[in-house]
N, C-alpha and C. Protein backbone atom coordinates (compact mmCIF):
# COMPACT_ATOMS: atom_id res chain seq x y z
N UNK A 1 102.72 103.69 104.13
CA UNK A 1 102.03 104.91 102.79
C UNK A 1 103.64 106.62 104.50
N UNK A 2 104.13 107.56 103.99
CA UNK A 2 104.54 108.53 104.48
C UNK A 2 104.38 109.49 103.80
N UNK A 3 104.55 110.75 105.54
CA UNK A 3 104.49 112.15 104.59
C UNK A 3 105.91 112.87 105.18
N UNK A 4 106.40 113.04 105.17
CA UNK A 4 107.79 113.93 104.91
C UNK A 4 107.80 113.68 106.36
N UNK A 5 106.59 113.94 108.10
CA UNK A 5 107.12 113.47 108.88
C UNK A 5 105.76 112.87 109.92
N UNK A 6 104.90 112.43 108.76
CA UNK A 6 104.42 111.23 109.42
C UNK A 6 103.46 110.38 108.55
N UNK A 7 102.55 108.92 109.35
CA UNK A 7 103.06 107.65 108.62
C UNK A 7 101.66 107.23 108.91
N UNK A 8 101.16 106.47 107.63
CA UNK A 8 99.64 105.88 108.04
C UNK A 8 100.09 104.31 106.80
N UNK A 9 100.00 103.81 107.82
CA UNK A 9 99.19 102.15 107.28
C UNK A 9 97.67 101.75 107.23
N UNK A 10 97.48 100.53 107.02
CA UNK A 10 96.51 100.45 106.60
C UNK A 10 95.97 98.35 107.04
N UNK A 11 95.07 98.80 108.27
CA UNK A 11 94.71 97.62 109.14
C UNK A 11 94.31 96.57 108.06
N UNK A 12 94.10 95.83 108.53
CA UNK A 12 93.49 93.63 107.73
C UNK A 12 92.30 94.60 107.54
N UNK A 13 91.38 94.47 108.59
CA UNK A 13 90.13 95.29 108.77
C UNK A 13 89.69 96.60 107.49
N UNK A 14 91.06 96.66 106.96
CA UNK A 14 90.48 98.69 106.33
C UNK A 14 90.12 99.58 106.45
N UNK A 15 90.49 99.52 108.06
CA UNK A 15 90.73 101.03 108.69
C UNK A 15 92.08 101.59 107.95
N UNK A 16 92.17 102.60 109.20
CA UNK A 16 94.11 103.11 108.54
C UNK A 16 94.30 103.66 110.07
N UNK A 17 96.10 103.96 110.27
CA UNK A 17 96.25 103.88 111.99
C UNK A 17 97.01 104.60 111.57
N UNK A 18 97.10 105.73 112.24
CA UNK A 18 98.67 107.55 111.45
C UNK A 18 98.48 107.64 112.70
N UNK A 19 100.59 108.36 112.23
CA UNK A 19 101.15 108.58 113.37
C UNK A 19 102.50 109.41 112.58
N UNK A 20 102.62 110.39 114.35
CA UNK A 20 103.56 111.08 113.77
C UNK A 20 103.05 112.59 113.91
N UNK A 21 103.89 113.66 113.70
CA UNK A 21 103.25 115.17 113.09
C UNK A 21 102.10 115.76 111.96
N UNK A 22 101.17 115.94 113.33
CA UNK A 22 99.96 116.47 113.14
C UNK A 22 99.86 117.03 111.88
N UNK A 23 100.66 117.84 112.00
CA UNK A 23 100.91 118.81 110.16
C UNK A 23 100.94 118.73 108.91
N UNK A 24 102.05 117.20 109.80
CA UNK A 24 102.26 115.95 108.49
C UNK A 24 100.92 115.61 107.93
N UNK A 25 99.97 115.55 108.49
CA UNK A 25 98.97 113.69 108.32
C UNK A 25 98.80 113.25 109.66
N UNK A 26 99.50 113.31 110.85
CA UNK A 26 99.98 112.91 111.19
C UNK A 26 98.52 111.77 112.47
N UNK A 27 97.74 112.62 111.71
CA UNK A 27 96.12 112.95 112.77
C UNK A 27 95.24 112.68 111.60
N UNK A 28 94.92 111.84 112.09
CA UNK A 28 93.85 111.70 110.70
C UNK A 28 91.97 111.85 111.29
N UNK A 29 92.00 111.78 112.77
CA UNK A 29 91.35 112.09 113.23
C UNK A 29 89.52 113.19 112.93
N UNK A 30 90.72 113.38 111.78
CA UNK A 30 88.57 114.76 111.31
C UNK A 30 88.67 113.49 110.18
N UNK A 31 88.94 112.51 109.46
CA UNK A 31 88.06 112.02 108.69
C UNK A 31 88.54 110.39 109.19
N UNK A 32 88.65 110.25 110.23
CA UNK A 32 88.86 108.62 110.57
C UNK A 32 87.16 107.69 110.37
N UNK A 33 86.35 108.39 110.82
CA UNK A 33 85.13 107.80 110.14
C UNK A 33 85.31 108.01 108.65
N UNK A 34 85.51 108.07 108.20
CA UNK A 34 85.64 107.49 106.71
C UNK A 34 86.52 106.95 105.79
N UNK A 35 87.33 106.40 107.34
CA UNK A 35 88.17 105.68 107.14
C UNK A 35 88.38 103.86 106.50
N UNK A 36 87.26 103.39 106.92
CA UNK A 36 86.65 101.76 105.98
C UNK A 36 87.38 101.58 104.92
N UNK A 37 87.67 100.47 104.85
CA UNK A 37 87.35 99.83 103.16
C UNK A 37 88.50 100.64 102.20
N UNK A 38 89.81 100.82 103.24
CA UNK A 38 90.95 101.66 102.34
C UNK A 38 91.88 100.46 101.93
N UNK A 39 91.90 100.56 100.49
CA UNK A 39 92.46 99.44 99.67
C UNK A 39 94.33 100.17 100.04
N UNK A 40 94.07 101.07 99.43
CA UNK A 40 95.24 101.40 99.08
C UNK A 40 95.77 103.53 100.32
N UNK A 41 97.37 103.99 100.30
CA UNK A 41 97.42 104.86 100.80
C UNK A 41 98.39 105.36 99.93
N UNK A 42 97.99 106.87 99.74
CA UNK A 42 100.00 107.54 99.37
C UNK A 42 99.96 108.67 99.91
N UNK A 43 101.44 109.04 100.46
CA UNK A 43 101.75 109.36 101.15
C UNK A 43 102.12 111.00 99.89
N UNK A 44 102.65 112.33 100.08
CA UNK A 44 103.04 113.61 100.20
C UNK A 44 104.10 114.28 100.82
N UNK A 45 104.45 115.44 100.46
CA UNK A 45 105.43 116.04 101.20
C UNK A 45 104.77 115.75 102.71
N UNK A 46 103.14 116.99 103.48
CA UNK A 46 102.80 117.06 103.54
C UNK A 46 100.99 116.36 103.79
N UNK A 47 100.58 115.58 102.96
CA UNK A 47 99.15 114.69 103.77
C UNK A 47 98.88 113.69 103.40
N UNK A 48 98.37 113.27 103.04
CA UNK A 48 97.81 111.75 102.25
C UNK A 48 96.71 111.14 101.45
N UNK A 49 96.01 110.09 100.95
CA UNK A 49 95.11 110.42 99.89
C UNK A 49 95.33 108.89 100.01
N UNK A 50 93.47 108.89 100.87
CA UNK A 50 93.31 106.74 100.62
C UNK A 50 92.71 106.61 99.90
N UNK A 51 92.01 105.90 99.36
CA UNK A 51 91.39 105.17 98.09
C UNK A 51 90.11 104.15 98.97
N UNK A 52 89.94 104.02 99.11
CA UNK A 52 88.31 103.33 99.23
C UNK A 52 87.09 102.43 98.44
N UNK A 53 87.89 101.17 98.43
CA UNK A 53 87.07 100.47 97.78
C UNK A 53 85.90 100.73 97.13
N UNK A 54 84.79 100.94 97.41
CA UNK A 54 84.09 102.00 96.67
C UNK A 54 84.37 103.32 95.75
N UNK A 55 85.43 103.79 95.95
CA UNK A 55 86.09 104.67 95.34
C UNK A 55 86.25 105.57 95.88
N UNK A 56 85.64 105.99 96.51
CA UNK A 56 85.47 107.43 97.46
C UNK A 56 87.62 107.35 97.72
N UNK A 57 87.77 108.97 97.75
CA UNK A 57 89.00 109.56 97.46
C UNK A 57 88.99 110.10 98.75
N UNK A 58 89.83 109.71 100.27
CA UNK A 58 90.00 110.72 101.60
C UNK A 58 91.01 111.26 102.13
N UNK A 59 91.78 112.53 101.80
CA UNK A 59 92.92 112.90 102.18
C UNK A 59 93.11 114.05 103.31
N UNK A 60 94.34 114.01 104.60
CA UNK A 60 93.67 114.71 104.94
C UNK A 60 95.67 114.68 105.55
N UNK A 61 95.32 115.91 106.26
CA UNK A 61 97.12 116.47 106.27
C UNK A 61 97.23 118.19 105.72
N UNK A 62 98.12 118.94 105.54
CA UNK A 62 98.04 119.96 105.16
C UNK A 62 97.71 120.22 103.60
N UNK A 63 96.46 120.85 103.63
CA UNK A 63 95.78 121.83 102.03
C UNK A 63 96.89 121.91 100.83
N UNK A 64 97.95 121.94 101.71
CA UNK A 64 99.08 123.43 100.78
C UNK A 64 99.44 121.69 99.88
N UNK A 65 99.07 120.19 100.46
CA UNK A 65 100.24 119.58 99.77
C UNK A 65 99.41 118.03 99.91
N UNK A 66 98.65 118.71 98.94
CA UNK A 66 97.21 117.87 99.03
C UNK A 66 95.82 117.33 99.88
N UNK A 67 95.95 117.79 100.99
CA UNK A 67 94.78 117.76 102.13
C UNK A 67 93.49 117.17 102.74
N UNK A 68 93.29 118.62 101.76
CA UNK A 68 91.70 119.35 101.40
C UNK A 68 90.88 118.72 100.63
N UNK A 69 91.41 117.45 99.18
CA UNK A 69 90.43 117.04 98.24
C UNK A 69 88.49 117.46 99.29
N UNK A 70 87.57 117.94 98.62
CA UNK A 70 86.48 118.45 98.81
C UNK A 70 85.63 116.36 99.61
N UNK A 71 85.22 116.74 101.13
CA UNK A 71 84.26 115.50 100.92
C UNK A 71 83.26 114.90 99.57
N UNK A 72 83.68 113.29 99.70
CA UNK A 72 82.63 113.06 97.86
C UNK A 72 83.08 112.86 96.77
N UNK A 73 85.12 113.03 97.19
CA UNK A 73 84.74 112.71 95.91
C UNK A 73 85.52 111.51 95.71
N UNK A 74 85.29 110.89 93.74
CA UNK A 74 84.84 109.60 93.32
C UNK A 74 85.66 109.94 92.69
N UNK A 75 87.60 109.62 92.29
CA UNK A 75 88.03 109.62 91.05
C UNK A 75 86.81 108.33 89.42
N UNK A 76 87.27 109.32 88.56
CA UNK A 76 86.24 108.06 87.35
C UNK A 76 87.46 106.95 87.63
N UNK A 77 88.56 107.41 87.03
CA UNK A 77 89.75 106.27 87.76
C UNK A 77 91.20 106.66 88.40
N UNK A 78 91.35 105.60 89.25
CA UNK A 78 91.97 106.05 90.16
C UNK A 78 93.68 104.97 90.41
N UNK A 79 94.54 105.61 90.14
CA UNK A 79 95.60 104.20 90.78
C UNK A 79 96.43 105.09 91.59
N UNK A 80 96.48 104.50 92.65
CA UNK A 80 97.68 105.60 93.48
C UNK A 80 98.52 104.25 93.15
N UNK A 81 99.82 105.05 92.61
CA UNK A 81 101.62 104.33 92.64
C UNK A 81 102.09 104.61 93.54
N UNK A 82 102.79 103.46 93.79
CA UNK A 82 103.83 104.10 95.20
C UNK A 82 105.10 104.51 94.23
N UNK A 83 105.79 104.60 92.91
CA UNK A 83 106.98 104.40 92.46
C UNK A 83 107.44 105.52 92.75
């Protein structure tokens, strides 16, 4: 997945690696312990959202672009579409 200046990829083990501009989500260190069992990632202009197998939504990046969803957020029904 990509934001305007960063990238995120899901590894085979369900963890996530990020790189690029820190302000645009290239630095996921703050949420790295939560980035496990990830099934999907979507990037916005300056943030990322990762959906885990347990339904928890993890976000990071610039708050104005969606990088600050409260921890423990579990959407009732969520599908991330990279259309």
